[in-house]
Amino acid sequence: MSSIKKLAGQTAWYGLSSIAARFINYLLTPYLTYKFTEAAYGEMSIIYSFIPFLNVLVTHGMETAYFRFGSKENEDKIYHTSSISMIFVTSIVVLAMLMYSGPLSTLLQITLHPEYISMMAWVVGLDALTTIPFSRLRLSEQPKKFAFIKIGGIVLNIAATYFFISTLPQLAQENPTGFWATSFKTDWAVGYILLANIIQNIFVLLLLQKEIRALRFSFDIKLWAQMMVYALPLILVGFGGMVNETFDRIMLGWWAPGGSVEANKMEVGIYAACYKLSILITISIQAFRMGAEPFFFKTASSDQAQKTYARIMKFFVITLCIMFLGVVLYLDIWKLFIRNPAMYVGLRVVPILLIANMFLGIYYNLSIWYKLSNKTMAGAWITLLGALITLIINYIAIPHFSYMASAWATFCCYGTMMVVSYQWGQRVYPIPYATKKLIAYFIISLLIYGINNLVHLVSSNQPFNYLFATILLVLFIVFVLKIERKELKNLMNKQA
């Protein structure tokens, strides 16, 4: 089996779980935008924008370090050492959150519910305990088990969320003096989302018992020091990445021109709901990262490694272009996943965010150069540059342009990171990317989007507009297949 076919197969399985994980947001987006007010949805978005920062802290680069060292040395020793490090750091972070729940609730503007901070601590702590066991499944190439456990937890999360948000209030109303009525809190909607997340994480831990029982309290401090030298820059990368990916929701809560905390949360809610419409791009990125990171490290010693990476980039960009068109050409359909029409005012950010996330996906693909060349500090500098751009644009522009500023900040941030990483990486670890061809595919995608917009300006006939959009999409796919027919034929019939 060719290496690219193998990566595609594993990515499909990782993608299945990633699609399910993202699709939960799609299943819950129409549901929660219907059940929650804009402000409540915004409050939930602020909380779930803070959790990724905590995840970076508790994982402290150990996941990537595990792949880097576990692919070359004694895997058991790496597994034990990285797991113990994870448990120790997680315990400190969870304890600190429990002790300082009051100040943190003020920072996130959820002072009416400081208990949410304690619940966040348990969400983060339990999730951290699954990180290295899941990494072991990926390194040992068990994507089916990985996908099964991920999807099982997600299904339980959906069921628990529906029970707490819909079934529990109904049970309480039917029997006002019964057990369910005494358990139900009318002003605790976001708390129930967190509780469903905790239940999911406990369930996942139970399914990972084989990997967890394999853990031995054997800690190699010399090995750990080597891993931390490699991982510490990745912590900066992680924090910078979270500033770029989620911190704009928190900044919107602080600086949006709403005039009050509640109005600002409404702005956050509108932006967060519309951000979900870029899900197809983020799905492909997450699925790719799951399969690609261990694959890239294992392929690094091959004579054809650089050519393989270049081919992967080409097919990845083509996939992103098709997904971009699949969303923007049918945005009038995708918007129906948001059940609150008051949020449609934010739809203008969707094309900007889709392109921004395309840049992010390309950047993740490019980032292999500093991971393979042990120059992880380069990744930290690039990500911090992106974070600086995000913070400056949001700080200056949010008070004037609200979430449109956040969308353009994301665009500028990821675009800059992509260009800098490409230029820097080609000097350190040259890879023969088909750069001109990929830029051409991207520009053609934008032209198709522009043509479709012009048709919408002169035609209000929805069936005709959808037919025209479909013709444009099919023409693009046929064009790409024609250009890449030789490459695709070789991929199907020969070893990569």
Protein backbone atom coordinates (compact mmCIF):
# COMPACT_ATOMS: atom_id res chain seq x y z
CA MET A 1 0.00 0.00 0.00
CA SER A 2 1.38 3.43 -0.89
CA SER A 3 2.26 5.76 1.96
CA ILE A 4 -0.28 8.35 0.82
CA LYS A 5 -3.00 5.70 0.56
CA LYS A 6 -2.13 4.60 4.08
CA LEU A 7 -2.33 8.16 5.37
CA ALA A 8 -5.62 8.65 3.56
CA GLY A 9 -7.06 5.49 5.14
CA GLN A 10 -5.99 6.46 8.65
CA THR A 11 -7.12 10.05 8.13
CA ALA A 12 -10.51 8.69 7.07
CA TRP A 13 -10.88 6.93 10.41
CA TYR A 14 -9.56 9.86 12.40
CA GLY A 15 -11.75 12.04 10.22
CA LEU A 16 -14.78 9.93 11.10
CA SER A 17 -14.31 10.70 14.77
CA SER A 18 -13.38 14.30 14.00
CA ILE A 19 -16.45 14.71 11.81
CA ALA A 20 -18.57 13.27 14.58
CA ALA A 21 -16.91 15.58 17.11
CA ARG A 22 -17.51 18.60 14.93
CA PHE A 23 -20.91 17.41 13.86
CA ILE A 24 -21.99 17.43 17.48
CA ASN A 25 -21.57 21.20 17.23
CA TYR A 26 -23.70 21.17 14.11
CA LEU A 27 -26.31 19.01 15.79
CA LEU A 28 -26.18 21.21 18.85
CA THR A 29 -25.89 24.54 17.01
CA PRO A 30 -29.48 24.55 15.68
CA TYR A 31 -30.65 23.02 18.94
CA LEU A 32 -28.82 25.40 21.27
CA THR A 33 -29.41 28.51 19.17
CA TYR A 34 -33.11 27.61 19.42
CA LYS A 35 -32.98 26.89 23.16
CA PHE A 36 -30.55 29.63 24.24
CA THR A 37 -30.73 33.38 23.91
CA GLU A 38 -27.92 35.09 22.03
CA ALA A 39 -26.42 36.13 25.39
CA ALA A 40 -26.55 32.61 26.86
CA TYR A 41 -25.01 31.18 23.71
CA GLY A 42 -22.34 33.85 23.94
CA GLU A 43 -21.63 32.95 27.58
CA MET A 44 -21.19 29.30 26.62
CA SER A 45 -18.88 30.32 23.77
CA ILE A 46 -16.71 32.41 26.10
CA ILE A 47 -16.33 29.47 28.50
CA TYR A 48 -15.47 27.05 25.71
CA SER A 49 -13.00 29.57 24.32
CA PHE A 50 -11.09 29.53 27.61
CA ILE A 51 -10.91 25.75 27.94
CA PRO A 52 -8.41 25.31 25.04
CA PHE A 53 -5.92 27.57 26.88
CA LEU A 54 -6.13 25.24 29.85
CA ASN A 55 -5.71 22.23 27.58
CA VAL A 56 -2.44 23.68 26.26
CA LEU A 57 -1.25 24.17 29.82
CA VAL A 58 -2.06 20.66 31.06
CA THR A 59 -0.72 18.89 27.96
CA HIS A 60 2.45 21.10 27.93
CA GLY A 61 3.62 19.77 24.57
CA MET A 62 3.78 16.15 25.72
CA GLU A 63 1.56 14.84 22.93
CA THR A 64 3.87 15.95 20.11
CA ALA A 65 6.95 15.07 22.18
CA TYR A 66 5.52 11.57 22.62
CA PHE A 67 5.28 11.17 18.83
CA ARG A 68 8.75 12.65 18.32
CA PHE A 69 10.51 10.40 20.84
CA GLY A 70 8.16 7.41 20.79
CA SER A 71 8.82 6.82 17.10
CA LYS A 72 12.54 6.35 17.70
CA GLU A 73 13.18 5.08 21.23
CA ASN A 74 11.63 2.71 23.75
CA GLU A 75 7.95 3.47 23.43
CA ASP A 76 6.98 2.06 26.83
CA LYS A 77 9.47 4.30 28.61
CA ILE A 78 8.19 7.31 26.66
CA TYR A 79 4.60 6.38 27.47
CA HIS A 80 5.17 6.08 31.21
CA THR A 81 7.26 9.24 31.50
CA SER A 82 4.94 11.46 29.45
CA SER A 83 1.85 10.13 31.24
CA ILE A 84 3.27 10.83 34.71
CA SER A 85 4.28 14.33 33.61
CA MET A 86 0.75 14.89 32.33
CA ILE A 87 -0.86 13.68 35.55
CA PHE A 88 1.38 15.90 37.71
CA VAL A 89 0.82 19.10 35.71
CA THR A 90 -2.91 18.44 35.36
CA SER A 91 -3.28 18.02 39.12
CA ILE A 92 -1.64 21.41 39.73
CA VAL A 93 -3.81 23.19 37.14
CA VAL A 94 -7.05 21.66 38.40
CA LEU A 95 -6.20 22.52 42.02
CA ALA A 96 -5.34 26.11 41.05
CA MET A 97 -8.65 26.51 39.21
CA LEU A 98 -10.60 25.21 42.18
CA MET A 99 -8.77 27.61 44.50
CA TYR A 100 -9.16 30.69 42.28
CA SER A 101 -12.61 30.12 40.82
CA GLY A 102 -13.76 33.58 41.99
CA PRO A 103 -11.16 35.68 40.14
CA LEU A 104 -11.43 33.50 37.05
CA SER A 105 -15.22 33.92 36.97
CA THR A 106 -14.70 37.70 37.07
CA LEU A 107 -12.18 37.51 34.23
CA LEU A 108 -14.66 35.59 32.06
CA GLN A 109 -17.62 37.74 33.14
CA ILE A 110 -19.57 34.82 34.64
CA THR A 111 -19.67 36.12 38.22
CA LEU A 112 -23.21 34.78 38.71
CA HIS A 113 -21.90 31.25 38.25
CA PRO A 114 -18.40 30.83 39.73
CA GLU A 115 -19.12 27.11 39.97
CA TYR A 116 -18.69 26.94 36.20
CA ILE A 117 -14.95 27.40 36.79
CA SER A 118 -14.84 24.30 39.01
CA MET A 119 -16.73 22.33 36.39
CA MET A 120 -14.33 23.57 33.71
CA ALA A 121 -11.46 22.29 35.86
CA TRP A 122 -12.93 18.79 35.87
CA VAL A 123 -13.63 18.93 32.12
CA VAL A 124 -10.01 19.88 31.47
CA GLY A 125 -8.54 17.46 34.00
CA LEU A 126 -10.45 14.40 32.82
CA ASP A 127 -9.79 15.23 29.18
CA ALA A 128 -6.05 15.59 29.86
CA LEU A 129 -5.91 12.06 31.29
CA THR A 130 -7.05 10.69 27.92
CA THR A 131 -4.45 12.55 25.84
CA ILE A 132 -1.47 10.17 26.02
CA PRO A 133 -3.60 7.00 25.82
CA PHE A 134 -5.22 8.41 22.66
CA SER A 135 -1.75 9.30 21.34
CA ARG A 136 -0.65 5.72 21.90
CA LEU A 137 -3.55 4.52 19.77
CA ARG A 138 -2.46 6.89 17.02
CA LEU A 139 1.22 5.93 17.19
CA SER A 140 0.38 2.22 17.16
CA GLU A 141 -1.92 2.83 14.19
CA GLN A 142 -5.24 1.83 15.76
CA PRO A 143 -7.50 4.42 14.10
CA LYS A 144 -10.61 2.22 14.33
CA LYS A 145 -10.43 1.92 18.11
CA PHE A 146 -9.61 5.62 18.33
CA ALA A 147 -12.68 6.48 16.27
CA PHE A 148 -14.97 4.10 18.16
CA ILE A 149 -14.06 5.58 21.56
CA LYS A 150 -14.30 9.16 20.32
CA ILE A 151 -17.69 8.60 18.72
CA GLY A 152 -19.01 6.69 21.73
CA GLY A 153 -18.19 9.62 23.99
CA ILE A 154 -19.76 12.06 21.56
CA VAL A 155 -23.02 10.12 21.34
CA LEU A 156 -23.22 10.11 25.13
CA ASN A 157 -22.54 13.86 25.19
CA ILE A 158 -25.42 14.51 22.79
CA ALA A 159 -27.77 12.32 24.82
CA ALA A 160 -26.79 13.95 28.11
CA THR A 161 -27.10 17.46 26.66
CA TYR A 162 -30.58 16.74 25.33
CA PHE A 163 -31.63 15.23 28.66
CA PHE A 164 -30.42 18.20 30.71
CA ILE A 165 -31.70 20.92 28.37
CA SER A 166 -35.03 19.41 27.21
CA THR A 167 -36.06 16.33 29.18
CA LEU A 168 -35.11 17.46 32.69
CA PRO A 169 -37.14 20.73 32.56
CA GLN A 170 -40.13 18.76 31.31
CA LEU A 171 -39.83 16.19 34.12
CA ALA A 172 -39.52 18.97 36.66
CA GLN A 173 -42.60 20.72 35.30
CA GLU A 174 -44.68 17.54 35.34
CA ASN A 175 -43.89 16.84 38.99
CA PRO A 176 -42.99 20.11 40.79
CA THR A 177 -42.39 18.36 44.15
CA GLY A 178 -40.51 15.35 42.80
CA PHE A 179 -36.83 14.47 42.63
CA TRP A 180 -36.25 15.99 39.18
CA ALA A 181 -37.82 19.30 40.19
CA THR A 182 -35.44 19.63 43.14
CA SER A 183 -32.47 18.79 40.88
CA PHE A 184 -33.34 21.22 38.10
CA LYS A 185 -31.90 24.77 38.00
CA THR A 186 -33.60 27.16 35.63
CA ASP A 187 -30.60 29.52 35.29
CA TRP A 188 -27.98 26.82 34.85
CA ALA A 189 -28.11 26.15 31.09
CA VAL A 190 -24.35 26.43 30.48
CA GLY A 191 -23.71 24.37 33.60
CA TYR A 192 -25.62 21.48 32.07
CA ILE A 193 -23.45 21.68 28.93
CA LEU A 194 -20.36 21.39 31.13
CA LEU A 195 -21.92 18.53 33.09
CA ALA A 196 -22.61 16.61 29.86
CA ASN A 197 -18.94 17.15 28.93
CA ILE A 198 -17.78 15.73 32.28
CA ILE A 199 -19.95 12.64 31.80
CA GLN A 200 -18.48 12.16 28.33
CA ASN A 201 -14.90 12.35 29.62
CA ILE A 202 -15.55 9.83 32.39
CA PHE A 203 -17.04 7.43 29.83
CA VAL A 204 -14.02 7.83 27.53
CA LEU A 205 -11.64 7.12 30.39
CA LEU A 206 -13.48 3.87 31.07
CA LEU A 207 -13.11 2.83 27.42
CA LEU A 208 -9.37 3.57 27.56
CA GLN A 209 -8.82 1.25 30.52
CA LYS A 210 -6.46 -1.05 28.59
CA GLU A 211 -4.11 1.82 27.80
CA ILE A 212 -4.46 3.32 31.28
CA ARG A 213 -3.76 -0.01 33.02
CA ALA A 214 -0.58 -0.32 30.94
CA LEU A 215 0.80 2.75 32.73
CA ARG A 216 3.62 2.08 35.18
CA PHE A 217 4.94 4.66 37.61
CA SER A 218 8.35 4.56 36.01
CA PHE A 219 9.69 8.07 35.48
CA ASP A 220 12.93 8.66 33.57
CA ILE A 221 13.94 12.19 34.56
CA LYS A 222 16.74 12.39 31.98
CA LEU A 223 14.36 11.39 29.21
CA TRP A 224 11.72 13.79 30.56
CA ALA A 225 14.23 16.66 30.46
CA GLN A 226 14.99 15.90 26.80
CA MET A 227 11.29 15.77 26.00
CA MET A 228 10.66 19.07 27.78
CA VAL A 229 13.43 20.82 25.84
CA TYR A 230 11.60 19.74 22.70
CA ALA A 231 8.11 20.45 24.10
CA LEU A 232 8.53 23.83 25.83
CA PRO A 233 8.47 25.86 22.60
CA LEU A 234 5.34 23.93 21.65
CA ILE A 235 3.63 25.33 24.75
CA LEU A 236 4.23 28.81 23.35
CA VAL A 237 2.95 27.53 20.00
CA GLY A 238 -0.13 26.19 21.74
CA PHE A 239 -0.88 29.37 23.67
CA GLY A 240 -0.32 31.50 20.60
CA GLY A 241 -2.53 29.15 18.61
CA MET A 242 -5.33 29.45 21.13
CA VAL A 243 -5.05 33.25 21.07
CA ASN A 244 -5.50 33.01 17.32
CA GLU A 245 -8.30 30.41 17.38
CA THR A 246 -10.51 31.25 20.36
CA PHE A 247 -9.39 34.35 22.26
CA ASP A 248 -11.36 36.65 19.97
CA ARG A 249 -14.58 35.48 21.68
CA ILE A 250 -13.21 36.53 25.04
CA MET A 251 -12.01 39.88 23.65
CA LEU A 252 -15.42 40.46 22.08
CA GLY A 253 -16.94 39.96 25.52
CA TRP A 254 -14.61 42.66 26.88
CA TRP A 255 -14.54 45.25 24.09
CA ALA A 256 -17.55 44.84 21.76
CA PRO A 257 -19.47 48.10 21.28
CA GLY A 258 -22.61 46.67 22.86
CA GLY A 259 -22.67 49.01 25.84
CA SER A 260 -23.23 46.30 28.48
CA VAL A 261 -21.98 42.84 29.48
CA GLU A 262 -25.22 41.26 28.26
CA ALA A 263 -25.09 43.06 24.89
CA ASN A 264 -21.46 42.05 24.41
CA LYS A 265 -22.36 38.42 25.09
CA MET A 266 -24.99 38.71 22.36
CA GLU A 267 -22.28 39.81 19.91
CA VAL A 268 -20.17 36.84 20.99
CA GLY A 269 -23.12 34.52 20.49
CA ILE A 270 -23.77 35.76 16.94
CA TYR A 271 -20.09 35.48 15.99
CA ALA A 272 -19.66 32.04 17.56
CA ALA A 273 -22.76 30.64 15.85
CA CYS A 274 -21.68 31.90 12.43
CA TYR A 275 -18.12 30.66 13.04
CA LYS A 276 -19.57 27.13 13.20
CA LEU A 277 -20.42 27.39 9.49
CA SER A 278 -16.72 27.03 8.69
CA ILE A 279 -16.98 23.49 10.07
CA LEU A 280 -16.11 21.66 6.84
CA ILE A 281 -12.71 23.33 6.70
CA THR A 282 -11.97 22.74 10.38
CA ILE A 283 -13.07 19.09 10.06
CA SER A 284 -10.58 18.45 7.29
CA ILE A 285 -7.82 20.19 9.23
CA GLN A 286 -8.46 18.23 12.42
CA ALA A 287 -8.75 14.90 10.60
CA PHE A 288 -5.55 15.62 8.68
CA ARG A 289 -3.63 16.53 11.82
CA MET A 290 -4.72 13.34 13.58
CA GLY A 291 -3.38 11.14 10.81
CA ALA A 292 -0.52 13.26 9.54
CA GLU A 293 1.53 14.03 12.65
CA PRO A 294 2.60 10.44 13.46
CA PHE A 295 2.76 9.67 9.72
CA PHE A 296 5.18 12.53 9.01
CA PHE A 297 7.56 11.45 11.78
CA LYS A 298 7.56 7.84 10.59
CA THR A 299 8.11 8.84 6.96
CA ALA A 300 10.93 11.30 7.70
CA SER A 301 13.71 8.75 7.10
CA SER A 302 12.41 7.81 3.64
CA ASP A 303 14.35 8.94 0.56
CA GLN A 304 11.10 10.19 -0.96
CA ALA A 305 9.88 12.00 2.17
CA GLN A 306 9.92 15.53 0.74
CA LYS A 307 8.16 14.48 -2.47
CA THR A 308 5.53 12.67 -0.41
CA TYR A 309 4.93 15.76 1.73
CA ALA A 310 4.55 17.89 -1.40
CA ARG A 311 1.98 15.53 -2.90
CA ILE A 312 0.06 15.45 0.36
CA MET A 313 -0.03 19.25 0.42
CA LYS A 314 -1.42 19.38 -3.11
CA PHE A 315 -4.31 17.03 -2.45
CA PHE A 316 -4.96 18.70 0.89
CA VAL A 317 -5.28 22.15 -0.71
CA ILE A 318 -7.54 20.79 -3.45
CA THR A 319 -9.79 19.30 -0.76
CA LEU A 320 -9.89 22.62 1.09
CA CYS A 321 -10.85 24.50 -2.09
CA ILE A 322 -13.73 22.11 -2.78
CA MET A 323 -14.95 22.41 0.80
CA PHE A 324 -14.71 26.20 0.66
CA LEU A 325 -16.90 26.26 -2.44
CA GLY A 326 -19.25 23.71 -0.89
CA VAL A 327 -20.01 26.17 1.90
CA VAL A 328 -19.97 29.60 0.24
CA LEU A 329 -21.97 28.52 -2.83
CA TYR A 330 -24.74 27.15 -0.62
CA LEU A 331 -24.55 29.53 2.33
CA ASP A 332 -28.32 30.12 2.20
CA ILE A 333 -28.76 26.44 3.04
CA TRP A 334 -25.98 26.15 5.61
CA LYS A 335 -27.36 29.11 7.56
CA LEU A 336 -30.48 27.09 8.39
CA PHE A 337 -28.40 25.22 10.96
CA ILE A 338 -28.67 28.41 13.00
CA ARG A 339 -32.23 28.35 14.30
CA ASN A 340 -32.21 31.92 15.53
CA PRO A 341 -32.72 34.29 12.56
CA ALA A 342 -31.45 37.19 14.69
CA MET A 343 -27.99 35.65 14.29
CA TYR A 344 -28.04 35.76 10.46
CA VAL A 345 -26.65 39.29 10.60
CA GLY A 346 -23.26 37.71 11.26
CA LEU A 347 -23.18 35.54 8.11
CA ARG A 348 -20.90 38.00 6.34
CA VAL A 349 -17.98 36.73 8.44
CA VAL A 350 -18.30 33.17 7.08
CA PRO A 351 -16.34 33.52 3.78
CA ILE A 352 -13.60 35.45 5.60
CA LEU A 353 -13.31 32.76 8.27
CA LEU A 354 -13.38 29.95 5.70
CA ILE A 355 -10.39 31.44 3.86
CA ALA A 356 -8.64 32.11 7.16
CA ASN A 357 -9.05 28.47 8.16
CA MET A 358 -7.74 27.37 4.77
CA PHE A 359 -4.60 29.35 5.57
CA LEU A 360 -4.46 27.63 8.96
CA GLY A 361 -4.73 24.18 7.40
CA ILE A 362 -1.90 24.95 4.98
CA TYR A 363 0.17 26.28 7.86
CA TYR A 364 -0.30 23.05 9.83
CA ASN A 365 0.84 21.12 6.78
CA LEU A 366 3.87 23.38 6.38
CA SER A 367 4.78 23.17 10.08
CA ILE A 368 6.34 19.74 9.63
CA TRP A 369 9.64 21.42 8.72
CA TYR A 370 10.35 22.75 12.20
CA LYS A 371 9.13 19.59 13.94
CA LEU A 372 11.35 17.30 11.86
CA SER A 373 14.37 19.62 12.05
CA ASN A 374 14.02 20.00 15.86
CA LYS A 375 13.51 23.75 15.49
CA THR A 376 10.28 23.92 17.45
CA MET A 377 11.22 27.39 18.69
CA ALA A 378 10.68 28.59 15.12
CA GLY A 379 7.09 27.41 15.38
CA ALA A 380 6.75 29.32 18.63
CA TRP A 381 7.97 32.56 17.04
CA ILE A 382 5.64 32.19 14.06
CA THR A 383 2.64 31.49 16.27
CA LEU A 384 3.49 34.35 18.61
CA LEU A 385 3.70 36.65 15.58
CA GLY A 386 0.20 35.52 14.65
CA ALA A 387 -1.01 36.05 18.21
CA LEU A 388 0.42 39.57 18.22
CA ILE A 389 -1.45 40.36 14.98
CA THR A 390 -4.65 38.94 16.47
CA LEU A 391 -4.36 40.95 19.67
CA ILE A 392 -3.47 44.25 17.95
CA ILE A 393 -6.23 44.12 15.33
CA ASN A 394 -8.86 43.00 17.82
CA TYR A 395 -7.83 45.59 20.41
CA ILE A 396 -7.92 48.44 17.90
CA ALA A 397 -10.90 47.41 15.78
CA ILE A 398 -13.39 45.50 17.99
CA PRO A 399 -14.72 48.69 19.68
CA HIS A 400 -15.56 50.03 16.21
CA PHE A 401 -16.42 46.97 14.08
CA SER A 402 -17.34 44.25 16.62
CA TYR A 403 -17.02 40.68 15.29
CA MET A 404 -16.06 41.80 11.76
CA ALA A 405 -12.77 42.92 13.31
CA SER A 406 -12.30 39.45 14.79
CA ALA A 407 -12.93 37.79 11.43
CA TRP A 408 -10.38 39.96 9.61
CA ALA A 409 -7.91 39.57 12.46
CA THR A 410 -8.16 35.78 12.03
CA PHE A 411 -7.65 36.17 8.27
CA CYS A 412 -4.55 38.38 8.66
CA CYS A 413 -3.11 36.22 11.42
CA TYR A 414 -3.31 32.86 9.62
CA GLY A 415 -2.32 34.36 6.28
CA THR A 416 0.84 35.83 7.80
CA MET A 417 1.70 32.60 9.62
CA MET A 418 1.30 30.61 6.41
CA VAL A 419 3.56 32.88 4.36
CA VAL A 420 6.26 33.19 7.03
CA SER A 421 6.32 29.43 7.68
CA TYR A 422 6.60 28.69 3.96
CA GLN A 423 9.46 31.13 3.40
CA TRP A 424 11.35 30.06 6.52
CA GLY A 425 10.74 26.35 6.03
CA GLN A 426 11.96 26.32 2.45
CA ARG A 427 15.34 27.62 3.63
CA VAL A 428 15.68 25.07 6.44
CA TYR A 429 13.91 21.97 5.10
CA PRO A 430 13.14 22.43 1.37
CA ILE A 431 10.04 20.62 0.11
CA PRO A 432 9.10 20.78 -3.62
CA TYR A 433 5.58 22.09 -3.20
CA ALA A 434 3.62 22.80 -6.39
CA THR A 435 3.23 26.39 -5.19
CA LYS A 436 2.11 28.06 -8.42
CA LYS A 437 -0.47 25.38 -9.12
CA LEU A 438 -1.88 25.57 -5.58
CA ILE A 439 -2.14 29.36 -5.75
CA ALA A 440 -3.95 28.97 -9.09
CA TYR A 441 -6.49 26.56 -7.56
CA PHE A 442 -7.09 28.98 -4.71
CA ILE A 443 -7.57 31.99 -7.03
CA ILE A 444 -9.95 30.02 -9.25
CA SER A 445 -12.00 29.12 -6.16
CA LEU A 446 -12.25 32.81 -5.25
CA LEU A 447 -13.27 33.71 -8.81
CA ILE A 448 -16.02 31.09 -8.73
CA TYR A 449 -17.25 32.52 -5.44
CA GLY A 450 -17.25 36.02 -6.96
CA ILE A 451 -19.17 34.89 -10.05
CA ASN A 452 -21.75 33.19 -7.85
CA ASN A 453 -22.20 36.41 -5.85
CA LEU A 454 -22.79 38.38 -9.05
CA VAL A 455 -25.50 35.93 -10.09
CA HIS A 456 -27.17 36.36 -6.69
CA LEU A 457 -27.22 40.12 -7.24
CA VAL A 458 -29.21 39.84 -10.47
CA SER A 459 -31.31 36.75 -9.68
CA SER A 460 -33.70 36.08 -6.80
CA ASN A 461 -34.71 32.68 -8.19
CA GLN A 462 -33.36 30.27 -5.56
CA PRO A 463 -33.67 27.02 -7.58
CA PHE A 464 -31.80 28.66 -10.49
CA ASN A 465 -29.14 30.01 -8.11
CA TYR A 466 -28.57 26.58 -6.56
CA LEU A 467 -28.39 24.97 -10.01
CA PHE A 468 -25.88 27.55 -11.18
CA ALA A 469 -23.79 27.07 -8.00
CA THR A 470 -23.80 23.30 -8.54
CA ILE A 471 -22.64 23.72 -12.14
CA LEU A 472 -19.78 25.95 -10.97
CA LEU A 473 -18.74 23.41 -8.31
CA VAL A 474 -18.87 20.47 -10.72
CA LEU A 475 -16.85 22.39 -13.32
CA PHE A 476 -14.17 23.11 -10.75
CA ILE A 477 -13.97 19.45 -9.69
CA VAL A 478 -13.83 18.28 -13.34
CA PHE A 479 -11.12 20.85 -14.06
CA VAL A 480 -9.00 19.64 -11.14
CA LEU A 481 -9.49 15.98 -12.08
CA LYS A 482 -8.36 16.74 -15.61
CA ILE A 483 -5.25 18.61 -14.46
CA GLU A 484 -4.35 15.95 -11.88
CA ARG A 485 -5.41 12.85 -13.84
CA LYS A 486 -1.86 11.57 -14.29
CA GLU A 487 -1.02 12.10 -10.60
CA LEU A 488 -4.24 10.42 -9.50
CA LYS A 489 -3.62 7.47 -11.80
CA ASN A 490 -0.12 7.00 -10.40
CA LEU A 491 -1.45 7.30 -6.87
CA MET A 492 -4.01 4.57 -7.45
CA ASN A 493 -1.69 2.14 -9.23
CA LYS A 494 1.83 2.69 -7.86
CA GLN A 495 3.75 3.00 -4.66
CA ALA A 496 4.11 6.62 -3.50
